Amino acid sequence: MYIKKFEDLRVWQKAHELVKRIYSKNEFNFPSNEKYGLESQLKRAAVSVPANIAEGCRRQHSKELIQFLGIALGSLSEVRYYLLLCKDLGFLSEDNYKELHEECIIIDKMLDSLILKIKSAK
């Protein structure tokens, strides 16, 4: 399965919105000493989700696309953990955590669904 424009995928759009929300800093209260620690790790993991979806879409074979979508799922799990840690350390409110976590769950389900669709199209 070859996808020409990753921007048209709803799962990529949702993942991109999650990245923008994480980068907005409106929801996090990171201390300055976390700029290159947890804050940086969270951002890198978040960016990895839509980036791997985009890269996978330009691959020539379904197997490669599935591989990149799997990497996106792994990065998304990493984001979920970092969000939990941010909440537990007091860098993220309970309400914001719940909202962001729910977004992650939605993206996770969308990625799983896309992977199953690609596998069944073979």
PDB file of N, CA and C in Angstrom:
ATOM      1  N   MET A   1       0.856  -1.182   0.000  1.00  0.00           N
ATOM      2  CA  MET A   1       0.000   0.000   0.000  1.00  0.00           C
ATOM      3  C   MET A   1       0.895   1.236   0.000  1.00  0.00           C
ATOM      4  N   TYR A   2       0.654   2.104  -0.932  1.00  0.00           N
ATOM      5  CA  TYR A   2       1.448   3.323  -1.078  1.00  0.00           C
ATOM      6  C   TYR A   2       0.547   4.523  -0.820  1.00  0.00           C
ATOM      7  N   ILE A   3       0.963   5.380   0.077  1.00  0.00           N
ATOM      8  CA  ILE A   3       0.188   6.579   0.413  1.00  0.00           C
ATOM      9  C   ILE A   3       0.991   7.778  -0.057  1.00  0.00           C
ATOM     10  N   LYS A   4       0.440   8.516  -0.995  1.00  0.00           N
ATOM     11  CA  LYS A   4       1.182   9.611  -1.610  1.00  0.00           C
ATOM     12  C   LYS A   4       1.318  10.818  -0.682  1.00  0.00           C
ATOM     13  N   LYS A   5       0.229  11.207  -0.028  1.00  0.00           N
ATOM     14  CA  LYS A   5       0.263  12.401   0.826  1.00  0.00           C
ATOM     15  C   LYS A   5      -0.046  12.031   2.275  1.00  0.00           C
ATOM     16  N   PHE A   6       0.982  11.982   3.091  1.00  0.00           N
ATOM     17  CA  PHE A   6       0.777  11.646   4.496  1.00  0.00           C
ATOM     18  C   PHE A   6      -0.123  12.655   5.190  1.00  0.00           C
ATOM     19  N   GLU A   7      -0.115  13.898   4.707  1.00  0.00           N
ATOM     20  CA  GLU A   7      -0.923  14.954   5.335  1.00  0.00           C
ATOM     21  C   GLU A   7      -2.421  14.672   5.265  1.00  0.00           C
ATOM     22  N   ASP A   8      -2.820  13.804   4.350  1.00  0.00           N
ATOM     23  CA  ASP A   8      -4.237  13.457   4.216  1.00  0.00           C
ATOM     24  C   ASP A   8      -4.691  12.400   5.222  1.00  0.00           C
ATOM     25  N   LEU A   9      -3.751  11.733   5.857  1.00  0.00           N
ATOM     26  CA  LEU A   9      -4.104  10.699   6.834  1.00  0.00           C
ATOM     27  C   LEU A   9      -4.587  11.339   8.136  1.00  0.00           C
ATOM     28  N   ARG A  10      -5.762  10.928   8.592  1.00  0.00           N
ATOM     29  CA  ARG A  10      -6.300  11.469   9.849  1.00  0.00           C
ATOM     30  C   ARG A  10      -5.380  11.168  11.030  1.00  0.00           C
ATOM     31  N   VAL A  11      -4.766   9.992  11.027  1.00  0.00           N
ATOM     32  CA  VAL A  11      -3.881   9.633  12.134  1.00  0.00           C
ATOM     33  C   VAL A  11      -2.660  10.551  12.166  1.00  0.00           C
ATOM     34  N   TRP A  12      -2.128  10.907  10.991  1.00  0.00           N
ATOM     35  CA  TRP A  12      -1.002  11.847  10.965  1.00  0.00           C
ATOM     36  C   TRP A  12      -1.461  13.215  11.473  1.00  0.00           C
ATOM     37  N   GLN A  13      -2.636  13.664  11.053  1.00  0.00           N
ATOM     38  CA  GLN A  13      -3.171  14.960  11.487  1.00  0.00           C
ATOM     39  C   GLN A  13      -3.323  15.008  13.005  1.00  0.00           C
ATOM     40  N   LYS A  14      -3.860  13.929  13.587  1.00  0.00           N
ATOM     41  CA  LYS A  14      -4.031  13.875  15.048  1.00  0.00           C
ATOM     42  C   LYS A  14      -2.674  13.890  15.751  1.00  0.00           C
ATOM     43  N   ALA A  15      -1.723  13.137  15.231  1.00  0.00           N
ATOM     44  CA  ALA A  15      -0.388  13.088  15.831  1.00  0.00           C
ATOM     45  C   ALA A  15       0.298  14.447  15.724  1.00  0.00           C
ATOM     46  N   HIS A  16       0.116  15.114  14.609  1.00  0.00           N
ATOM     47  CA  HIS A  16       0.691  16.452  14.411  1.00  0.00           C
ATOM     48  C   HIS A  16       0.089  17.445  15.413  1.00  0.00           C
ATOM     49  N   GLU A  17      -1.206  17.367  15.629  1.00  0.00           N
ATOM     50  CA  GLU A  17      -1.866  18.243  16.610  1.00  0.00           C
ATOM     51  C   GLU A  17      -1.342  17.979  18.018  1.00  0.00           C
ATOM     52  N   LEU A  18      -1.091  16.720  18.337  1.00  0.00           N
ATOM     53  CA  LEU A  18      -0.534  16.376  19.646  1.00  0.00           C
ATOM     54  C   LEU A  18       0.840  17.019  19.825  1.00  0.00           C
ATOM     55  N   VAL A  19       1.667  16.960  18.794  1.00  0.00           N
ATOM     56  CA  VAL A  19       3.000  17.581  18.860  1.00  0.00           C
ATOM     57  C   VAL A  19       2.869  19.080  19.111  1.00  0.00           C
ATOM     58  N   LYS A  20       1.996  19.725  18.367  1.00  0.00           N
ATOM     59  CA  LYS A  20       1.821  21.173  18.540  1.00  0.00           C
ATOM     60  C   LYS A  20       1.360  21.499  19.951  1.00  0.00           C
ATOM     61  N   ARG A  21       0.502  20.665  20.490  1.00  0.00           N
ATOM     62  CA  ARG A  21       0.015  20.903  21.856  1.00  0.00           C
ATOM     63  C   ARG A  21       1.139  20.720  22.877  1.00  0.00           C
ATOM     64  N   ILE A  22       1.950  19.710  22.691  1.00  0.00           N
ATOM     65  CA  ILE A  22       3.073  19.471  23.605  1.00  0.00           C
ATOM     66  C   ILE A  22       4.092  20.606  23.505  1.00  0.00           C
ATOM     67  N   TYR A  23       4.320  21.116  22.320  1.00  0.00           N
ATOM     68  CA  TYR A  23       5.270  22.213  22.133  1.00  0.00           C
ATOM     69  C   TYR A  23       4.738  23.557  22.613  1.00  0.00           C
ATOM     70  N   SER A  24       3.442  23.687  22.785  1.00  0.00           N
ATOM     71  CA  SER A  24       2.863  24.989  23.151  1.00  0.00           C
ATOM     72  C   SER A  24       3.284  25.461  24.537  1.00  0.00           C
ATOM     73  N   LYS A  25       3.661  24.539  25.396  1.00  0.00           N
ATOM     74  CA  LYS A  25       4.111  24.837  26.762  1.00  0.00           C
ATOM     75  C   LYS A  25       3.018  25.422  27.649  1.00  0.00           C
ATOM     76  N   ASN A  26       1.819  25.579  27.141  1.00  0.00           N
ATOM     77  CA  ASN A  26       0.741  26.126  27.957  1.00  0.00           C
ATOM     78  C   ASN A  26       0.292  25.149  29.033  1.00  0.00           C
ATOM     79  N   GLU A  27       0.553  23.875  28.821  1.00  0.00           N
ATOM     80  CA  GLU A  27       0.031  22.861  29.722  1.00  0.00           C
ATOM     81  C   GLU A  27       1.080  22.304  30.672  1.00  0.00           C
ATOM     82  N   PHE A  28       2.333  22.616  30.418  1.00  0.00           N
ATOM     83  CA  PHE A  28       3.419  22.062  31.220  1.00  0.00           C
ATOM     84  C   PHE A  28       4.069  23.144  32.069  1.00  0.00           C
ATOM     85  N   ASN A  29       4.605  22.712  33.190  1.00  0.00           N
ATOM     86  CA  ASN A  29       5.310  23.613  34.089  1.00  0.00           C
ATOM     87  C   ASN A  29       6.690  23.012  34.377  1.00  0.00           C
ATOM     88  N   PHE A  30       7.504  22.920  33.316  1.00  0.00           N
ATOM     89  CA  PHE A  30       8.831  22.340  33.476  1.00  0.00           C
ATOM     90  C   PHE A  30       9.761  23.328  34.165  1.00  0.00           C
ATOM     91  N   PRO A  31      10.542  22.855  35.134  1.00  0.00           N
ATOM     92  CA  PRO A  31      11.587  23.723  35.681  1.00  0.00           C
ATOM     93  C   PRO A  31      12.687  23.902  34.635  1.00  0.00           C
ATOM     94  N   SER A  32      13.452  24.954  34.756  1.00  0.00           N
ATOM     95  CA  SER A  32      14.479  25.259  33.748  1.00  0.00           C
ATOM     96  C   SER A  32      15.517  24.146  33.614  1.00  0.00           C
ATOM     97  N   ASN A  33      15.779  23.421  34.687  1.00  0.00           N
ATOM     98  CA  ASN A  33      16.790  22.358  34.609  1.00  0.00           C
ATOM     99  C   ASN A  33      16.296  21.128  33.841  1.00  0.00           C
ATOM    100  N   GLU A  34      15.030  21.100  33.434  1.00  0.00           N
ATOM    101  CA  GLU A  34      14.493  19.986  32.645  1.00  0.00           C
ATOM    102  C   GLU A  34      14.492  20.268  31.149  1.00  0.00           C
ATOM    103  N   LYS A  35      14.987  21.448  30.752  1.00  0.00           N
ATOM    104  CA  LYS A  35      14.972  21.812  29.333  1.00  0.00           C
ATOM    105  C   LYS A  35      15.642  20.750  28.465  1.00  0.00           C
ATOM    106  N   TYR A  36      16.743  20.198  28.925  1.00  0.00           N
ATOM    107  CA  TYR A  36      17.470  19.194  28.151  1.00  0.00           C
ATOM    108  C   TYR A  36      17.268  17.787  28.710  1.00  0.00           C
ATOM    109  N   GLY A  37      16.343  17.649  29.631  1.00  0.00           N
ATOM    110  CA  GLY A  37      16.030  16.349  30.211  1.00  0.00           C
ATOM    111  C   GLY A  37      14.677  15.856  29.743  1.00  0.00           C
ATOM    112  N   LEU A  38      13.771  15.745  30.679  1.00  0.00           N
ATOM    113  CA  LEU A  38      12.445  15.203  30.398  1.00  0.00           C
ATOM    114  C   LEU A  38      11.691  15.998  29.333  1.00  0.00           C
ATOM    115  N   GLU A  39      11.787  17.316  29.384  1.00  0.00           N
ATOM    116  CA  GLU A  39      11.097  18.145  28.385  1.00  0.00           C
ATOM    117  C   GLU A  39      11.566  17.799  26.973  1.00  0.00           C
ATOM    118  N   SER A  40      12.863  17.691  26.802  1.00  0.00           N
ATOM    119  CA  SER A  40      13.435  17.368  25.495  1.00  0.00           C
ATOM    120  C   SER A  40      13.044  15.960  25.043  1.00  0.00           C
ATOM    121  N   GLN A  41      13.090  15.003  25.964  1.00  0.00           N
ATOM    122  CA  GLN A  41      12.737  13.628  25.618  1.00  0.00           C
ATOM    123  C   GLN A  41      11.276  13.525  25.192  1.00  0.00           C
ATOM    124  N   LEU A  42      10.391  14.214  25.912  1.00  0.00           N
ATOM    125  CA  LEU A  42       8.970  14.211  25.569  1.00  0.00           C
ATOM    126  C   LEU A  42       8.755  14.777  24.169  1.00  0.00           C
ATOM    127  N   LYS A  43       9.391  15.894  23.884  1.00  0.00           N
ATOM    128  CA  LYS A  43       9.222  16.526  22.575  1.00  0.00           C
ATOM    129  C   LYS A  43       9.759  15.645  21.450  1.00  0.00           C
ATOM    130  N   ARG A  44      10.925  15.053  21.662  1.00  0.00           N
ATOM    131  CA  ARG A  44      11.500  14.189  20.619  1.00  0.00           C
ATOM    132  C   ARG A  44      10.621  12.975  20.352  1.00  0.00           C
ATOM    133  N   ALA A  45      10.105  12.375  21.421  1.00  0.00           N
ATOM    134  CA  ALA A  45       9.228  11.212  21.248  1.00  0.00           C
ATOM    135  C   ALA A  45       7.944  11.611  20.531  1.00  0.00           C
ATOM    136  N   ALA A  46       7.387  12.767  20.891  1.00  0.00           N
ATOM    137  CA  ALA A  46       6.149  13.237  20.262  1.00  0.00           C
ATOM    138  C   ALA A  46       6.354  13.498  18.775  1.00  0.00           C
ATOM    139  N   VAL A  47       7.444  14.157  18.421  1.00  0.00           N
ATOM    140  CA  VAL A  47       7.736  14.460  17.015  1.00  0.00           C
ATOM    141  C   VAL A  47       7.955  13.171  16.219  1.00  0.00           C
ATOM    142  N   SER A  48       8.491  12.167  16.855  1.00  0.00           N
ATOM    143  CA  SER A  48       8.771  10.904  16.185  1.00  0.00           C
ATOM    144  C   SER A  48       7.507  10.221  15.661  1.00  0.00           C
ATOM    145  N   VAL A  49       6.370  10.448  16.311  1.00  0.00           N
ATOM    146  CA  VAL A  49       5.136   9.770  15.893  1.00  0.00           C
ATOM    147  C   VAL A  49       4.720  10.206  14.487  1.00  0.00           C
ATOM    148  N   PRO A  50       4.407  11.490  14.250  1.00  0.00           N
ATOM    149  CA  PRO A  50       4.015  11.872  12.889  1.00  0.00           C
ATOM    150  C   PRO A  50       5.172  11.767  11.889  1.00  0.00           C
ATOM    151  N   ALA A  51       6.407  11.929  12.357  1.00  0.00           N
ATOM    152  CA  ALA A  51       7.554  11.820  11.446  1.00  0.00           C
ATOM    153  C   ALA A  51       7.673  10.405  10.883  1.00  0.00           C
ATOM    154  N   ASN A  52       7.475   9.401  11.717  1.00  0.00           N
ATOM    155  CA  ASN A  52       7.556   8.017  11.235  1.00  0.00           C
ATOM    156  C   ASN A  52       6.366   7.646  10.361  1.00  0.00           C
ATOM    157  N   ILE A  53       5.201   8.207  10.653  1.00  0.00           N
ATOM    158  CA  ILE A  53       4.051   8.001   9.767  1.00  0.00           C
ATOM    159  C   ILE A  53       4.380   8.576   8.391  1.00  0.00           C
ATOM    160  N   ALA A  54       4.914   9.794   8.376  1.00  0.00           N
ATOM    161  CA  ALA A  54       5.254  10.456   7.111  1.00  0.00           C
ATOM    162  C   ALA A  54       6.309   9.669   6.341  1.00  0.00           C
ATOM    163  N   GLU A  55       7.351   9.247   7.026  1.00  0.00           N
ATOM    164  CA  GLU A  55       8.413   8.507   6.345  1.00  0.00           C
ATOM    165  C   GLU A  55       7.900   7.186   5.794  1.00  0.00           C
ATOM    166  N   GLY A  56       7.104   6.491   6.578  1.00  0.00           N
ATOM    167  CA  GLY A  56       6.560   5.216   6.129  1.00  0.00           C
ATOM    168  C   GLY A  56       5.686   5.335   4.896  1.00  0.00           C
ATOM    169  N   CYS A  57       4.984   6.439   4.786  1.00  0.00           N
ATOM    170  CA  CYS A  57       4.079   6.644   3.645  1.00  0.00           C
ATOM    171  C   CYS A  57       4.816   6.727   2.316  1.00  0.00           C
ATOM    172  N   ARG A  58       6.068   7.092   2.331  1.00  0.00           N
ATOM    173  CA  ARG A  58       6.835   7.211   1.086  1.00  0.00           C
ATOM    174  C   ARG A  58       7.637   5.947   0.772  1.00  0.00           C
ATOM    175  N   ARG A  59       7.472   4.923   1.563  1.00  0.00           N
ATOM    176  CA  ARG A  59       8.157   3.659   1.294  1.00  0.00           C
ATOM    177  C   ARG A  59       7.418   2.905   0.194  1.00  0.00           C
ATOM    178  N   GLN A  60       8.143   2.071  -0.495  1.00  0.00           N
ATOM    179  CA  GLN A  60       7.596   1.394  -1.673  1.00  0.00           C
ATOM    180  C   GLN A  60       6.789   0.138  -1.346  1.00  0.00           C
ATOM    181  N   HIS A  61       7.004  -0.426  -0.180  1.00  0.00           N
ATOM    182  CA  HIS A  61       6.367  -1.701   0.150  1.00  0.00           C
ATOM    183  C   HIS A  61       5.555  -1.589   1.438  1.00  0.00           C
ATOM    184  N   SER A  62       4.456  -2.312   1.474  1.00  0.00           N
ATOM    185  CA  SER A  62       3.578  -2.305   2.646  1.00  0.00           C
ATOM    186  C   SER A  62       4.318  -2.736   3.908  1.00  0.00           C
ATOM    187  N   LYS A  63       5.217  -3.699   3.751  1.00  0.00           N
ATOM    188  CA  LYS A  63       5.981  -4.193   4.902  1.00  0.00           C
ATOM    189  C   LYS A  63       6.777  -3.054   5.551  1.00  0.00           C
ATOM    190  N   GLU A  64       7.359  -2.203   4.723  1.00  0.00           N
ATOM    191  CA  GLU A  64       8.124  -1.063   5.247  1.00  0.00           C
ATOM    192  C   GLU A  64       7.206  -0.045   5.920  1.00  0.00           C
ATOM    193  N   LEU A  65       6.060   0.214   5.307  1.00  0.00           N
ATOM    194  CA  LEU A  65       5.099   1.136   5.907  1.00  0.00           C
ATOM    195  C   LEU A  65       4.668   0.628   7.276  1.00  0.00           C
ATOM    196  N   ILE A  66       4.355  -0.653   7.368  1.00  0.00           N
ATOM    197  CA  ILE A  66       3.957  -1.245   8.649  1.00  0.00           C
ATOM    198  C   ILE A  66       5.076  -1.106   9.670  1.00  0.00           C
ATOM    199  N   GLN A  67       6.313  -1.294   9.234  1.00  0.00           N
ATOM    200  CA  GLN A  67       7.460  -1.153  10.141  1.00  0.00           C
ATOM    201  C   GLN A  67       7.520   0.266  10.719  1.00  0.00           C
ATOM    202  N   PHE A  68       7.349   1.275   9.883  1.00  0.00           N
ATOM    203  CA  PHE A  68       7.407   2.654  10.365  1.00  0.00           C
ATOM    204  C   PHE A  68       6.205   2.997  11.242  1.00  0.00           C
ATOM    205  N   LEU A  69       5.053   2.440  10.921  1.00  0.00           N
ATOM    206  CA  LEU A  69       3.887   2.660  11.782  1.00  0.00           C
ATOM    207  C   LEU A  69       4.110   2.006  13.140  1.00  0.00           C
ATOM    208  N   GLY A  70       4.806   0.877  13.153  1.00  0.00           N
ATOM    209  CA  GLY A  70       5.166   0.233  14.417  1.00  0.00           C
ATOM    210  C   GLY A  70       6.121   1.084  15.238  1.00  0.00           C
ATOM    211  N   ILE A  71       7.052   1.730  14.574  1.00  0.00           N
ATOM    212  CA  ILE A  71       7.970   2.645  15.270  1.00  0.00           C
ATOM    213  C   ILE A  71       7.180   3.817  15.841  1.00  0.00           C
ATOM    214  N   ALA A  72       6.213   4.315  15.074  1.00  0.00           N
ATOM    215  CA  ALA A  72       5.357   5.405  15.562  1.00  0.00           C
ATOM    216  C   ALA A  72       4.599   4.965  16.812  1.00  0.00           C
ATOM    217  N   LEU A  73       4.106   3.727  16.822  1.00  0.00           N
ATOM    218  CA  LEU A  73       3.417   3.205  18.007  1.00  0.00           C
ATOM    219  C   LEU A  73       4.355   3.149  19.212  1.00  0.00           C
ATOM    220  N   GLY A  74       5.588   2.727  18.980  1.00  0.00           N
ATOM    221  CA  GLY A  74       6.564   2.687  20.068  1.00  0.00           C
ATOM    222  C   GLY A  74       6.847   4.070  20.622  1.00  0.00           C
ATOM    223  N   SER A  75       6.998   5.041  19.743  1.00  0.00           N
ATOM    224  CA  SER A  75       7.226   6.421  20.179  1.00  0.00           C
ATOM    225  C   SER A  75       6.018   6.956  20.931  1.00  0.00           C
ATOM    226  N   LEU A  76       4.835   6.579  20.488  1.00  0.00           N
ATOM    227  CA  LEU A  76       3.618   7.016  21.166  1.00  0.00           C
ATOM    228  C   LEU A  76       3.544   6.446  22.580  1.00  0.00           C
ATOM    229  N   SER A  77       3.965   5.210  22.756  1.00  0.00           N
ATOM    230  CA  SER A  77       4.019   4.623  24.099  1.00  0.00           C
ATOM    231  C   SER A  77       5.002   5.386  24.980  1.00  0.00           C
ATOM    232  N   GLU A  78       6.095   5.794  24.392  1.00  0.00           N
ATOM    233  CA  GLU A  78       7.086   6.599  25.106  1.00  0.00           C
ATOM    234  C   GLU A  78       6.467   7.932  25.541  1.00  0.00           C
ATOM    235  N   VAL A  79       5.721   8.573  24.648  1.00  0.00           N
ATOM    236  CA  VAL A  79       5.036   9.829  24.983  1.00  0.00           C
ATOM    237  C   VAL A  79       4.085   9.604  26.145  1.00  0.00           C
ATOM    238  N   ARG A  80       3.325   8.515  26.098  1.00  0.00           N
ATOM    239  CA  ARG A  80       2.371   8.230  27.182  1.00  0.00           C
ATOM    240  C   ARG A  80       3.092   8.108  28.522  1.00  0.00           C
ATOM    241  N   TYR A  81       4.238   7.430  28.527  1.00  0.00           N
ATOM    242  CA  TYR A  81       4.990   7.309  29.773  1.00  0.00           C
ATOM    243  C   TYR A  81       5.498   8.671  30.250  1.00  0.00           C
ATOM    244  N   TYR A  82       6.062   9.458  29.343  1.00  0.00           N
ATOM    245  CA  TYR A  82       6.580  10.771  29.736  1.00  0.00           C
ATOM    246  C   TYR A  82       5.467  11.673  30.265  1.00  0.00           C
ATOM    247  N   LEU A  83       4.282  11.581  29.683  1.00  0.00           N
ATOM    248  CA  LEU A  83       3.152  12.370  30.193  1.00  0.00           C
ATOM    249  C   LEU A  83       2.800  11.944  31.613  1.00  0.00           C
ATOM    250  N   LEU A  84       2.780  10.638  31.855  1.00  0.00           N
ATOM    251  CA  LEU A  84       2.505  10.129  33.201  1.00  0.00           C
ATOM    252  C   LEU A  84       3.564  10.618  34.182  1.00  0.00           C
ATOM    253  N   LEU A  85       4.815  10.548  33.775  1.00  0.00           N
ATOM    254  CA  LEU A  85       5.903  11.008  34.632  1.00  0.00           C
ATOM    255  C   LEU A  85       5.788  12.508  34.908  1.00  0.00           C
ATOM    256  N   CYS A  86       5.461  13.287  33.881  1.00  0.00           N
ATOM    257  CA  CYS A  86       5.278  14.734  34.065  1.00  0.00           C
ATOM    258  C   CYS A  86       4.181  15.017  35.082  1.00  0.00           C
ATOM    259  N   LYS A  87       3.090  14.266  34.984  1.00  0.00           N
ATOM    260  CA  LYS A  87       1.992  14.437  35.946  1.00  0.00           C
ATOM    261  C   LYS A  87       2.466  14.089  37.352  1.00  0.00           C
ATOM    262  N   ASP A  88       3.129  12.949  37.484  1.00  0.00           N
ATOM    263  CA  ASP A  88       3.575  12.490  38.797  1.00  0.00           C
ATOM    264  C   ASP A  88       4.616  13.412  39.424  1.00  0.00           C
ATOM    265  N   LEU A  89       5.393  14.100  38.593  1.00  0.00           N
ATOM    266  CA  LEU A  89       6.411  15.029  39.102  1.00  0.00           C
ATOM    267  C   LEU A  89       5.869  16.445  39.290  1.00  0.00           C
ATOM    268  N   GLY A  90       4.607  16.653  38.946  1.00  0.00           N
ATOM    269  CA  GLY A  90       3.988  17.965  39.134  1.00  0.00           C
ATOM    270  C   GLY A  90       4.227  18.947  38.002  1.00  0.00           C
ATOM    271  N   PHE A  91       4.691  18.454  36.850  1.00  0.00           N
ATOM    272  CA  PHE A  91       4.939  19.329  35.697  1.00  0.00           C
ATOM    273  C   PHE A  91       3.711  19.451  34.794  1.00  0.00           C
ATOM    274  N   LEU A  92       2.677  18.640  35.071  1.00  0.00           N
ATOM    275  CA  LEU A  92       1.476  18.587  34.244  1.00  0.00           C
ATOM    276  C   LEU A  92       0.282  18.328  35.159  1.00  0.00           C
ATOM    277  N   SER A  93      -0.765  19.119  35.008  1.00  0.00           N
ATOM    278  CA  SER A  93      -1.949  18.943  35.861  1.00  0.00           C
ATOM    279  C   SER A  93      -2.670  17.644  35.512  1.00  0.00           C
ATOM    280  N   GLU A  94      -3.449  17.165  36.445  1.00  0.00           N
ATOM    281  CA  GLU A  94      -4.240  15.945  36.238  1.00  0.00           C
ATOM    282  C   GLU A  94      -5.180  16.092  35.039  1.00  0.00           C
ATOM    283  N   ASP A  95      -5.846  17.243  34.947  1.00  0.00           N
ATOM    284  CA  ASP A  95      -6.787  17.469  33.837  1.00  0.00           C
ATOM    285  C   ASP A  95      -6.076  17.468  32.486  1.00  0.00           C
ATOM    286  N   ASN A  96      -4.961  18.171  32.399  1.00  0.00           N
ATOM    287  CA  ASN A  96      -4.207  18.198  31.139  1.00  0.00           C
ATOM    288  C   ASN A  96      -3.643  16.823  30.804  1.00  0.00           C
ATOM    289  N   TYR A  97      -3.214  16.109  31.837  1.00  0.00           N
ATOM    290  CA  TYR A  97      -2.724  14.745  31.620  1.00  0.00           C
ATOM    291  C   TYR A  97      -3.820  13.882  31.000  1.00  0.00           C
ATOM    292  N   LYS A  98      -5.016  13.942  31.581  1.00  0.00           N
ATOM    293  CA  LYS A  98      -6.118  13.115  31.075  1.00  0.00           C
ATOM    294  C   LYS A  98      -6.432  13.432  29.618  1.00  0.00           C
ATOM    295  N   GLU A  99      -6.452  14.709  29.277  1.00  0.00           N
ATOM    296  CA  GLU A  99      -6.739  15.113  27.897  1.00  0.00           C
ATOM    297  C   GLU A  99      -5.664  14.611  26.932  1.00  0.00           C
ATOM    298  N   LEU A 100      -4.408  14.828  27.286  1.00  0.00           N
ATOM    299  CA  LEU A 100      -3.308  14.407  26.413  1.00  0.00           C
ATOM    300  C   LEU A 100      -3.234  12.883  26.315  1.00  0.00           C
ATOM    301  N   HIS A 101      -3.454  12.213  27.433  1.00  0.00           N
ATOM    302  CA  HIS A 101      -3.439  10.748  27.438  1.00  0.00           C
ATOM    303  C   HIS A 101      -4.544  10.208  26.538  1.00  0.00           C
ATOM    304  N   GLU A 102      -5.718  10.803  26.603  1.00  0.00           N
ATOM    305  CA  GLU A 102      -6.832  10.371  25.748  1.00  0.00           C
ATOM    306  C   GLU A 102      -6.491  10.573  24.272  1.00  0.00           C
ATOM    307  N   GLU A 103      -5.825  11.680  23.953  1.00  0.00           N
ATOM    308  CA  GLU A 103      -5.388  11.895  22.568  1.00  0.00           C
ATOM    309  C   GLU A 103      -4.433  10.786  22.130  1.00  0.00           C
ATOM    310  N   CYS A 104      -3.541  10.398  23.024  1.00  0.00           N
ATOM    311  CA  CYS A 104      -2.604   9.313  22.711  1.00  0.00           C
ATOM    312  C   CYS A 104      -3.344   8.001  22.457  1.00  0.00           C
ATOM    313  N   ILE A 105      -4.347   7.716  23.261  1.00  0.00           N
ATOM    314  CA  ILE A 105      -5.120   6.481  23.098  1.00  0.00           C
ATOM    315  C   ILE A 105      -5.829   6.474  21.742  1.00  0.00           C
ATOM    316  N   ILE A 106      -6.393   7.613  21.361  1.00  0.00           N
ATOM    317  CA  ILE A 106      -7.077   7.721  20.066  1.00  0.00           C
ATOM    318  C   ILE A 106      -6.094   7.470  18.923  1.00  0.00           C
ATOM    319  N   ILE A 107      -4.932   8.103  18.998  1.00  0.00           N
ATOM    320  CA  ILE A 107      -3.908   7.923  17.956  1.00  0.00           C
ATOM    321  C   ILE A 107      -3.447   6.471  17.910  1.00  0.00           C
ATOM    322  N   ASP A 108      -3.270   5.865  19.070  1.00  0.00           N
ATOM    323  CA  ASP A 108      -2.865   4.462  19.164  1.00  0.00           C
ATOM    324  C   ASP A 108      -3.865   3.565  18.431  1.00  0.00           C
ATOM    325  N   LYS A 109      -5.135   3.769  18.697  1.00  0.00           N
ATOM    326  CA  LYS A 109      -6.180   2.964  18.046  1.00  0.00           C
ATOM    327  C   LYS A 109      -6.204   3.199  16.539  1.00  0.00           C
ATOM    328  N   MET A 110      -5.998   4.442  16.137  1.00  0.00           N
ATOM    329  CA  MET A 110      -5.978   4.760  14.705  1.00  0.00           C
ATOM    330  C   MET A 110      -4.795   4.085  14.010  1.00  0.00           C
ATOM    331  N   LEU A 111      -3.635   4.090  14.658  1.00  0.00           N
ATOM    332  CA  LEU A 111      -2.465   3.419  14.086  1.00  0.00           C
ATOM    333  C   LEU A 111      -2.695   1.917  13.991  1.00  0.00           C
ATOM    334  N   ASP A 112      -3.228   1.320  15.057  1.00  0.00           N
ATOM    335  CA  ASP A 112      -3.533  -0.113  15.028  1.00  0.00           C
ATOM    336  C   ASP A 112      -4.482  -0.447  13.883  1.00  0.00           C
ATOM    337  N   SER A 113      -5.501   0.376  13.722  1.00  0.00           N
ATOM    338  CA  SER A 113      -6.488   0.165  12.663  1.00  0.00           C
ATOM    339  C   SER A 113      -5.852   0.269  11.276  1.00  0.00           C
ATOM    340  N   LEU A 114      -4.986   1.253  11.095  1.00  0.00           N
ATOM    341  CA  LEU A 114      -4.312   1.422   9.805  1.00  0.00           C
ATOM    342  C   LEU A 114      -3.408   0.232   9.507  1.00  0.00           C
ATOM    343  N   ILE A 115      -2.693  -0.239  10.504  1.00  0.00           N
ATOM    344  CA  ILE A 115      -1.821  -1.406  10.321  1.00  0.00           C
ATOM    345  C   ILE A 115      -2.646  -2.623   9.907  1.00  0.00           C
ATOM    346  N   LEU A 116      -3.766  -2.849  10.579  1.00  0.00           N
ATOM    347  CA  LEU A 116      -4.630  -3.984  10.231  1.00  0.00           C
ATOM    348  C   LEU A 116      -5.181  -3.853   8.814  1.00  0.00           C
ATOM    349  N   LYS A 117      -5.542  -2.644   8.435  1.00  0.00           N
ATOM    350  CA  LYS A 117      -6.065  -2.394   7.085  1.00  0.00           C
ATOM    351  C   LYS A 117      -5.002  -2.710   6.029  1.00  0.00           C
ATOM    352  N   ILE A 118      -3.779  -2.289   6.288  1.00  0.00           N
ATOM    353  CA  ILE A 118      -2.686  -2.543   5.343  1.00  0.00           C
ATOM    354  C   ILE A 118      -2.406  -4.039   5.251  1.00  0.00           C
ATOM    355  N   LYS A 119      -2.382  -4.716   6.398  1.00  0.00           N
ATOM    356  CA  LYS A 119      -2.124  -6.161   6.404  1.00  0.00           C
ATOM    357  C   LYS A 119      -3.215  -6.927   5.663  1.00  0.00           C
ATOM    358  N   SER A 120      -4.449  -6.499   5.814  1.00  0.00           N
ATOM    359  CA  SER A 120      -5.554  -7.212   5.161  1.00  0.00           C
ATOM    360  C   SER A 120      -5.620  -6.929   3.661  1.00  0.00           C
ATOM    361  N   ALA A 121      -4.976  -5.855   3.215  1.00  0.00           N
ATOM    362  CA  ALA A 121      -4.979  -5.498   1.790  1.00  0.00           C
ATOM    363  C   ALA A 121      -3.945  -6.285   0.996  1.00  0.00           C
ATOM    364  N   LYS A 122      -3.065  -6.977   1.685  1.00  0.00           N
ATOM    365  CA  LYS A 122      -1.991  -7.724   1.006  1.00  0.00           C
ATOM    366  C   LYS A 122      -2.549  -8.878   0.202  1.00  0.00           C
TER     367      LYS A 122
END
